[in-house]
Amino acid sequence: MNKYAECLYNYLMECSFREFMTTPAYININSAYNREENALLRLLTPEQREQFSRYQEQEGRLEEISTQYIFMETLRVARGLLLL
């Protein structure tokens, strides 16, 4: 990702995405996710909780690079449409 794309990506994540996180749909799904996660954590041993935490960290990294890829592909498509 070049410097300009990175700047735009960071802006969108810091501004637009934060706004999206205040929508009722996001809040409802996030609440359900948190309830299920807490229920699962109550069932796990301390060692399993540590493993789950490491899993979530890797999952977060995967989500981040996936989001960046989708962003870059969207930019590529937008540039292509502008050149038509």
N, C-alpha and C. Protein backbone atom coordinates (compact mmCIF):
# COMPACT_ATOMS: atom_id res chain seq x y z
N MET A 1 0.87 -1.16 0.00
CA MET A 1 0.00 0.00 0.00
C MET A 1 0.91 1.23 0.00
N ASN A 2 0.69 2.13 -0.96
CA ASN A 2 1.53 3.33 -0.98
C ASN A 2 1.09 4.31 0.12
N LYS A 3 1.87 5.37 0.25
CA LYS A 3 1.66 6.34 1.33
C LYS A 3 0.27 6.99 1.27
N TYR A 4 -0.20 7.31 0.08
CA TYR A 4 -1.49 7.97 -0.06
C TYR A 4 -2.65 7.02 0.23
N ALA A 5 -2.54 5.80 -0.27
CA ALA A 5 -3.57 4.80 0.02
C ALA A 5 -3.62 4.50 1.51
N GLU A 6 -2.47 4.40 2.13
CA GLU A 6 -2.40 4.15 3.57
C GLU A 6 -3.05 5.29 4.35
N CYS A 7 -2.81 6.52 3.93
CA CYS A 7 -3.41 7.68 4.58
C CYS A 7 -4.93 7.64 4.45
N LEU A 8 -5.43 7.33 3.26
CA LEU A 8 -6.87 7.24 3.04
C LEU A 8 -7.46 6.09 3.85
N TYR A 9 -6.79 4.96 3.85
CA TYR A 9 -7.26 3.80 4.62
C TYR A 9 -7.35 4.15 6.10
N ASN A 10 -6.31 4.75 6.64
CA ASN A 10 -6.31 5.12 8.06
C ASN A 10 -7.42 6.12 8.38
N TYR A 11 -7.64 7.07 7.49
CA TYR A 11 -8.71 8.04 7.69
C TYR A 11 -10.07 7.34 7.74
N LEU A 12 -10.31 6.47 6.78
CA LEU A 12 -11.59 5.75 6.74
C LEU A 12 -11.79 4.89 7.98
N MET A 13 -10.73 4.21 8.42
CA MET A 13 -10.85 3.37 9.61
C MET A 13 -11.07 4.20 10.86
N GLU A 14 -10.43 5.34 10.95
CA GLU A 14 -10.56 6.18 12.15
C GLU A 14 -11.85 6.98 12.17
N CYS A 15 -12.37 7.34 11.02
CA CYS A 15 -13.57 8.20 10.98
C CYS A 15 -14.82 7.41 10.58
N SER A 16 -14.87 6.95 9.37
CA SER A 16 -16.07 6.28 8.87
C SER A 16 -16.37 4.99 9.62
N PHE A 17 -15.36 4.20 9.88
CA PHE A 17 -15.62 2.94 10.54
C PHE A 17 -16.07 3.16 11.98
N ARG A 18 -15.51 4.15 12.64
CA ARG A 18 -15.97 4.45 14.01
C ARG A 18 -17.44 4.87 13.99
N GLU A 19 -17.83 5.59 12.97
CA GLU A 19 -19.24 5.99 12.83
C GLU A 19 -20.12 4.76 12.61
N PHE A 20 -19.64 3.83 11.78
CA PHE A 20 -20.36 2.59 11.52
C PHE A 20 -20.55 1.79 12.81
N MET A 21 -19.57 1.84 13.70
CA MET A 21 -19.63 1.09 14.95
C MET A 21 -20.70 1.62 15.91
N THR A 22 -21.31 2.75 15.59
CA THR A 22 -22.37 3.30 16.43
C THR A 22 -23.77 2.98 15.88
N THR A 23 -23.81 2.25 14.77
CA THR A 23 -25.12 1.91 14.19
C THR A 23 -25.78 0.80 15.01
N PRO A 24 -27.11 0.80 15.06
CA PRO A 24 -27.81 -0.24 15.82
C PRO A 24 -27.45 -1.66 15.38
N ALA A 25 -27.32 -1.88 14.09
CA ALA A 25 -26.99 -3.23 13.60
C ALA A 25 -25.65 -3.69 14.15
N TYR A 26 -24.64 -2.83 14.09
CA TYR A 26 -23.32 -3.20 14.59
C TYR A 26 -23.36 -3.42 16.10
N ILE A 27 -24.01 -2.53 16.81
CA ILE A 27 -24.09 -2.64 18.27
C ILE A 27 -24.78 -3.94 18.68
N ASN A 28 -25.87 -4.30 18.00
CA ASN A 28 -26.58 -5.54 18.32
C ASN A 28 -25.71 -6.77 18.09
N ILE A 29 -25.07 -6.83 16.95
CA ILE A 29 -24.23 -8.00 16.63
C ILE A 29 -23.03 -8.05 17.56
N ASN A 30 -22.42 -6.92 17.84
CA ASN A 30 -21.27 -6.88 18.74
C ASN A 30 -21.67 -7.33 20.15
N SER A 31 -22.83 -6.92 20.61
CA SER A 31 -23.31 -7.35 21.93
C SER A 31 -23.51 -8.85 21.98
N ALA A 32 -24.13 -9.40 20.93
CA ALA A 32 -24.33 -10.85 20.86
C ALA A 32 -23.00 -11.58 20.85
N TYR A 33 -22.05 -11.07 20.07
CA TYR A 33 -20.71 -11.67 20.01
C TYR A 33 -20.07 -11.68 21.39
N ASN A 34 -20.14 -10.54 22.08
CA ASN A 34 -19.53 -10.44 23.41
C ASN A 34 -20.19 -11.38 24.41
N ARG A 35 -21.51 -11.52 24.35
CA ARG A 35 -22.21 -12.46 25.25
C ARG A 35 -21.73 -13.89 25.01
N GLU A 36 -21.64 -14.27 23.74
CA GLU A 36 -21.20 -15.63 23.41
C GLU A 36 -19.74 -15.86 23.81
N GLU A 37 -18.92 -14.86 23.58
CA GLU A 37 -17.51 -14.99 23.96
C GLU A 37 -17.37 -15.15 25.47
N ASN A 38 -18.10 -14.36 26.23
CA ASN A 38 -18.04 -14.47 27.69
C ASN A 38 -18.55 -15.82 28.17
N ALA A 39 -19.60 -16.34 27.54
CA ALA A 39 -20.12 -17.66 27.90
C ALA A 39 -19.06 -18.73 27.63
N LEU A 40 -18.39 -18.62 26.50
CA LEU A 40 -17.33 -19.58 26.16
C LEU A 40 -16.18 -19.47 27.16
N LEU A 41 -15.74 -18.28 27.46
CA LEU A 41 -14.61 -18.10 28.37
C LEU A 41 -14.88 -18.69 29.75
N ARG A 42 -16.13 -18.64 30.21
CA ARG A 42 -16.47 -19.22 31.51
C ARG A 42 -16.28 -20.75 31.52
N LEU A 43 -16.35 -21.37 30.35
CA LEU A 43 -16.21 -22.82 30.25
C LEU A 43 -14.76 -23.29 30.12
N LEU A 44 -13.86 -22.37 29.79
CA LEU A 44 -12.48 -22.74 29.49
C LEU A 44 -11.59 -22.72 30.72
N THR A 45 -10.58 -23.57 30.69
CA THR A 45 -9.55 -23.55 31.72
C THR A 45 -8.65 -22.34 31.47
N PRO A 46 -7.82 -21.96 32.45
CA PRO A 46 -6.90 -20.83 32.21
C PRO A 46 -6.00 -21.04 30.99
N GLU A 47 -5.51 -22.27 30.79
CA GLU A 47 -4.65 -22.55 29.63
C GLU A 47 -5.44 -22.40 28.33
N GLN A 48 -6.68 -22.86 28.34
CA GLN A 48 -7.52 -22.74 27.15
C GLN A 48 -7.85 -21.28 26.87
N ARG A 49 -8.03 -20.48 27.91
CA ARG A 49 -8.28 -19.05 27.73
C ARG A 49 -7.08 -18.37 27.08
N GLU A 50 -5.89 -18.75 27.52
CA GLU A 50 -4.67 -18.19 26.90
C GLU A 50 -4.59 -18.57 25.43
N GLN A 51 -4.89 -19.83 25.12
CA GLN A 51 -4.87 -20.27 23.72
C GLN A 51 -5.93 -19.53 22.91
N PHE A 52 -7.09 -19.36 23.47
CA PHE A 52 -8.16 -18.63 22.78
C PHE A 52 -7.76 -17.18 22.54
N SER A 53 -7.09 -16.59 23.50
CA SER A 53 -6.62 -15.21 23.34
C SER A 53 -5.62 -15.12 22.19
N ARG A 54 -4.71 -16.08 22.11
CA ARG A 54 -3.74 -16.09 20.99
C ARG A 54 -4.47 -16.29 19.67
N TYR A 55 -5.47 -17.15 19.67
CA TYR A 55 -6.28 -17.37 18.47
C TYR A 55 -6.95 -16.07 18.03
N GLN A 56 -7.55 -15.35 18.98
CA GLN A 56 -8.23 -14.10 18.65
C GLN A 56 -7.26 -13.06 18.10
N GLU A 57 -6.04 -13.04 18.64
CA GLU A 57 -5.03 -12.11 18.14
C GLU A 57 -4.70 -12.40 16.68
N GLN A 58 -4.52 -13.67 16.35
CA GLN A 58 -4.22 -14.04 14.97
C GLN A 58 -5.42 -13.78 14.06
N GLU A 59 -6.62 -14.04 14.57
CA GLU A 59 -7.83 -13.77 13.80
C GLU A 59 -7.94 -12.28 13.51
N GLY A 60 -7.61 -11.44 14.48
CA GLY A 60 -7.63 -9.99 14.28
C GLY A 60 -6.65 -9.56 13.22
N ARG A 61 -5.47 -10.16 13.23
CA ARG A 61 -4.47 -9.84 12.19
C ARG A 61 -4.97 -10.25 10.82
N LEU A 62 -5.59 -11.42 10.75
CA LEU A 62 -6.13 -11.89 9.47
C LEU A 62 -7.23 -10.96 8.98
N GLU A 63 -8.11 -10.53 9.86
CA GLU A 63 -9.17 -9.60 9.49
C GLU A 63 -8.58 -8.28 8.98
N GLU A 64 -7.53 -7.81 9.63
CA GLU A 64 -6.90 -6.55 9.22
C GLU A 64 -6.33 -6.64 7.81
N ILE A 65 -5.58 -7.71 7.52
CA ILE A 65 -5.00 -7.79 6.17
C ILE A 65 -6.09 -8.05 5.13
N SER A 66 -7.16 -8.74 5.51
CA SER A 66 -8.28 -8.95 4.59
C SER A 66 -8.96 -7.62 4.29
N THR A 67 -9.17 -6.80 5.30
CA THR A 67 -9.78 -5.49 5.12
C THR A 67 -8.90 -4.61 4.24
N GLN A 68 -7.60 -4.64 4.47
CA GLN A 68 -6.68 -3.86 3.64
C GLN A 68 -6.72 -4.32 2.18
N TYR A 69 -6.80 -5.63 1.97
CA TYR A 69 -6.86 -6.16 0.61
C TYR A 69 -8.14 -5.68 -0.08
N ILE A 70 -9.26 -5.79 0.60
CA ILE A 70 -10.53 -5.34 0.02
C ILE A 70 -10.46 -3.85 -0.30
N PHE A 71 -9.87 -3.06 0.58
CA PHE A 71 -9.71 -1.63 0.35
C PHE A 71 -8.87 -1.38 -0.91
N MET A 72 -7.75 -2.08 -1.03
CA MET A 72 -6.88 -1.87 -2.19
C MET A 72 -7.57 -2.31 -3.48
N GLU A 73 -8.32 -3.38 -3.44
CA GLU A 73 -9.05 -3.82 -4.63
C GLU A 73 -10.15 -2.82 -4.99
N THR A 74 -10.78 -2.25 -4.00
CA THR A 74 -11.80 -1.22 -4.26
C THR A 74 -11.18 -0.01 -4.92
N LEU A 75 -10.00 0.40 -4.44
CA LEU A 75 -9.29 1.52 -5.08
C LEU A 75 -8.94 1.19 -6.52
N ARG A 76 -8.49 -0.05 -6.75
CA ARG A 76 -8.11 -0.46 -8.10
C ARG A 76 -9.31 -0.39 -9.03
N VAL A 77 -10.45 -0.86 -8.57
CA VAL A 77 -11.67 -0.83 -9.38
C VAL A 77 -12.09 0.62 -9.64
N ALA A 78 -12.03 1.45 -8.61
CA ALA A 78 -12.42 2.85 -8.76
C ALA A 78 -11.52 3.55 -9.77
N ARG A 79 -10.22 3.27 -9.71
CA ARG A 79 -9.30 3.88 -10.68
C ARG A 79 -9.63 3.41 -12.09
N GLY A 80 -9.96 2.13 -12.23
CA GLY A 80 -10.32 1.58 -13.53
C GLY A 80 -11.58 2.24 -14.09
N LEU A 81 -12.55 2.46 -13.24
CA LEU A 81 -13.79 3.11 -13.68
C LEU A 81 -13.56 4.56 -14.09
N LEU A 82 -12.64 5.22 -13.41
CA LEU A 82 -12.34 6.61 -13.77
C LEU A 82 -11.66 6.71 -15.13
N LEU A 83 -10.98 5.65 -15.52
CA LEU A 83 -10.27 5.67 -16.81
C LEU A 83 -11.14 5.25 -17.98
N LEU A 84 -12.37 4.85 -17.72
CA LEU A 84 -13.26 4.42 -18.82
C LEU A 84 -13.68 5.56 -19.69
